[in-house]
Amino acid sequence: MNGWKVRMRMAVAAALFGIGLLSACNDEAGKDFAAEKRTWGQPHHIQAEDIVSLIVTDSSGNTGSIVSRDAIGQFLEAIQEASAETAKLDIRPPDMLMALNLKDGREHLLYFWLAHNNDRLFVDPGRSTEHYTLTAEGKNMILHLLDETRKSLNSRFYA
């Protein structure tokens, strides 16, 4: 009878150890997933070399294009680290639409809200449940690129 009790206790101890080990592994995996910041750049892996041009359309319907390799690289750098958030947006219409024209003929659309001081949002219609928050540096970089594009267009038309 004593042998049976010892085996039962060992079996219970082994089961509890196994459950504890699995629980600890699962807890660690959950912490890693929760701590990892999801960004726009993670699933897309779009490189500057993949983009032929950026077509910018503002809320008034004015359009301009960006074809400079440096400017396209800066734009991608600005949006790569934008944090993903899952929430339904209920705000005004976007301030601008940015179309990424890709080498393979596809067009990737992004809608931006940047006009107000604290606006740093954009959405990717390919992912209807997420929006992205730019870093302050990312917003400033995009606004600088837009300003340079406007100056370039104005110099061509009014020179």
Protein backbone atom coordinates (compact mmCIF):
# COMPACT_ATOMS: atom_id res chain seq x y z
CA MET A 1 0.00 0.00 0.00
CA ASN A 2 2.88 2.39 0.76
CA GLY A 3 4.32 1.80 -2.75
CA TRP A 4 1.03 2.84 -4.28
CA LYS A 5 0.96 6.13 -2.29
CA VAL A 6 4.54 6.94 -3.27
CA ARG A 7 3.82 6.30 -6.97
CA MET A 8 0.65 8.40 -6.78
CA ARG A 9 2.50 11.29 -5.12
CA MET A 10 5.25 11.11 -7.75
CA ALA A 11 2.67 11.08 -10.53
CA VAL A 12 0.88 14.10 -9.03
CA ALA A 13 4.21 15.92 -8.55
CA ALA A 14 5.22 15.16 -12.16
CA ALA A 15 1.84 16.36 -13.44
CA LEU A 16 2.07 19.58 -11.42
CA PHE A 17 5.64 20.14 -12.62
CA GLY A 18 4.54 19.64 -16.25
CA ILE A 19 1.57 21.99 -15.85
CA GLY A 20 3.80 24.58 -14.19
CA LEU A 21 6.38 24.29 -16.96
CA LEU A 22 3.77 24.65 -19.70
CA SER A 23 2.17 27.56 -17.88
CA ALA A 24 5.51 29.33 -17.50
CA CYS A 25 6.33 28.82 -21.19
CA ASN A 26 2.92 30.12 -22.22
CA ASP A 27 3.25 33.09 -19.85
CA GLU A 28 6.66 33.99 -21.31
CA ALA A 29 5.34 33.72 -24.88
CA GLY A 30 2.46 36.00 -23.99
CA LYS A 31 4.81 38.56 -22.48
CA ASP A 32 7.01 38.57 -25.59
CA PHE A 33 4.00 39.06 -27.86
CA ALA A 34 2.51 41.80 -25.70
CA ALA A 35 5.81 43.64 -25.29
CA GLU A 36 6.57 43.59 -29.01
CA LYS A 37 5.39 46.76 -30.69
CA ARG A 38 3.55 46.16 -33.96
CA THR A 39 4.55 48.62 -36.65
CA TRP A 40 3.47 49.35 -40.22
CA GLY A 41 6.79 48.15 -41.61
CA GLN A 42 6.72 44.66 -40.08
CA PRO A 43 4.28 42.88 -42.38
CA HIS A 44 4.84 44.98 -45.50
CA HIS A 45 8.57 44.85 -46.08
CA ILE A 46 8.22 47.43 -48.85
CA GLN A 47 11.64 48.81 -49.78
CA ALA A 48 12.35 52.20 -51.37
CA GLU A 49 13.54 50.32 -54.47
CA ASP A 50 10.03 48.82 -54.84
CA ILE A 51 8.42 52.26 -55.20
CA VAL A 52 8.42 54.14 -58.51
CA SER A 53 6.71 57.26 -57.14
CA LEU A 54 4.53 58.68 -54.40
CA ILE A 55 1.41 60.52 -55.52
CA VAL A 56 0.11 62.98 -52.93
CA THR A 57 -3.48 64.21 -53.04
CA ASP A 58 -4.56 66.77 -50.46
CA SER A 59 -8.09 67.29 -49.14
CA SER A 60 -8.73 69.95 -51.83
CA GLY A 61 -7.89 67.50 -54.62
CA ASN A 62 -4.49 69.03 -55.47
CA THR A 63 -1.96 66.41 -56.49
CA GLY A 64 1.80 66.23 -56.64
CA SER A 65 4.31 63.47 -57.12
CA ILE A 66 7.52 62.55 -55.39
CA VAL A 67 10.02 60.59 -57.48
CA SER A 68 13.30 61.38 -55.74
CA ARG A 69 14.88 58.18 -54.38
CA ASP A 70 16.05 60.07 -51.29
CA ALA A 71 12.58 61.50 -50.61
CA ILE A 72 10.93 58.10 -51.07
CA GLY A 73 13.46 56.58 -48.67
CA GLN A 74 12.75 59.31 -46.12
CA PHE A 75 9.00 58.76 -46.45
CA LEU A 76 9.37 55.02 -45.85
CA GLU A 77 11.63 55.69 -42.89
CA ALA A 78 8.96 57.99 -41.43
CA ILE A 79 6.16 55.40 -41.64
CA GLN A 80 8.09 52.19 -40.90
CA GLU A 81 8.06 52.72 -37.13
CA ALA A 82 4.47 53.95 -36.85
CA SER A 83 2.71 51.96 -34.10
CA ALA A 84 -0.29 49.84 -34.99
CA GLU A 85 -3.45 50.25 -32.95
CA THR A 86 -6.69 48.35 -33.34
CA ALA A 87 -9.61 50.70 -32.91
CA LYS A 88 -12.35 52.21 -34.99
CA LEU A 89 -11.55 55.76 -36.05
CA ASP A 90 -14.36 58.28 -35.93
CA ILE A 91 -12.77 61.50 -37.11
CA ARG A 92 -12.91 63.97 -39.97
CA PRO A 93 -11.99 63.07 -43.56
CA PRO A 94 -8.26 62.59 -44.12
CA ASP A 95 -5.96 65.54 -44.79
CA MET A 96 -4.23 63.70 -47.61
CA LEU A 97 -4.01 60.48 -49.57
CA MET A 98 -0.62 59.02 -50.43
CA ALA A 99 -0.46 56.47 -53.25
CA LEU A 100 2.66 54.34 -53.34
CA ASN A 101 3.10 53.35 -57.00
CA LEU A 102 5.04 50.09 -56.99
CA LYS A 103 7.32 48.70 -59.70
CA ASP A 104 5.03 45.71 -60.23
CA GLY A 105 2.18 48.06 -61.26
CA ARG A 106 0.26 47.89 -57.98
CA GLU A 107 -0.78 50.96 -56.05
CA HIS A 108 -0.79 50.98 -52.25
CA LEU A 109 -3.00 53.69 -50.70
CA LEU A 110 -2.47 55.34 -47.32
CA TYR A 111 -4.70 58.03 -45.76
CA PHE A 112 -3.14 60.60 -43.41
CA TRP A 113 -4.36 62.98 -40.69
CA LEU A 114 -1.54 65.47 -40.06
CA ALA A 115 -3.05 68.97 -40.21
CA HIS A 116 -3.56 69.63 -36.51
CA ASN A 117 -0.84 69.83 -33.86
CA ASN A 118 -1.50 66.44 -32.29
CA ASP A 119 -2.57 64.57 -35.44
CA ARG A 120 -0.12 61.83 -36.41
CA LEU A 121 -2.44 59.16 -37.76
CA PHE A 122 -2.68 57.18 -40.95
CA VAL A 123 -4.68 54.19 -42.10
CA ASP A 124 -3.89 51.48 -44.56
CA PRO A 125 -7.19 50.42 -46.20
CA GLY A 126 -5.68 46.99 -46.76
CA ARG A 127 -6.05 46.56 -42.99
CA SER A 128 -9.41 48.00 -42.07
CA THR A 129 -9.12 47.22 -38.35
CA GLU A 130 -5.87 49.05 -37.67
CA HIS A 131 -4.64 52.60 -37.75
CA TYR A 132 -1.10 53.78 -37.20
CA THR A 133 0.38 56.56 -35.07
CA LEU A 134 3.50 58.19 -36.46
CA THR A 135 6.30 59.23 -34.20
CA ALA A 136 6.67 63.00 -33.84
CA GLU A 137 9.85 62.76 -35.94
CA GLY A 138 7.98 60.76 -38.59
CA LYS A 139 5.26 63.39 -38.84
CA ASN A 140 7.82 66.19 -39.14
CA MET A 141 9.70 64.28 -41.84
CA ILE A 142 6.54 63.78 -43.91
CA LEU A 143 5.49 67.42 -43.50
CA HIS A 144 8.99 68.51 -44.59
CA LEU A 145 8.79 66.28 -47.70
CA LEU A 146 5.36 67.73 -48.55
CA ASP A 147 6.65 71.26 -48.11
CA GLU A 148 9.65 70.55 -50.39
CA THR A 149 7.30 69.00 -52.98
CA ARG A 150 5.07 72.11 -52.93
CA LYS A 151 8.11 74.39 -53.36
CA SER A 152 9.35 72.30 -56.26
CA LEU A 153 5.95 72.38 -57.99
CA ASN A 154 5.58 76.13 -57.42
CA SER A 155 9.06 76.87 -58.79
CA ARG A 156 8.22 75.00 -62.00
CA PHE A 157 4.90 76.79 -62.49
CA TYR A 158 5.98 80.28 -61.44
CA ALA A 159 9.60 80.43 -62.62
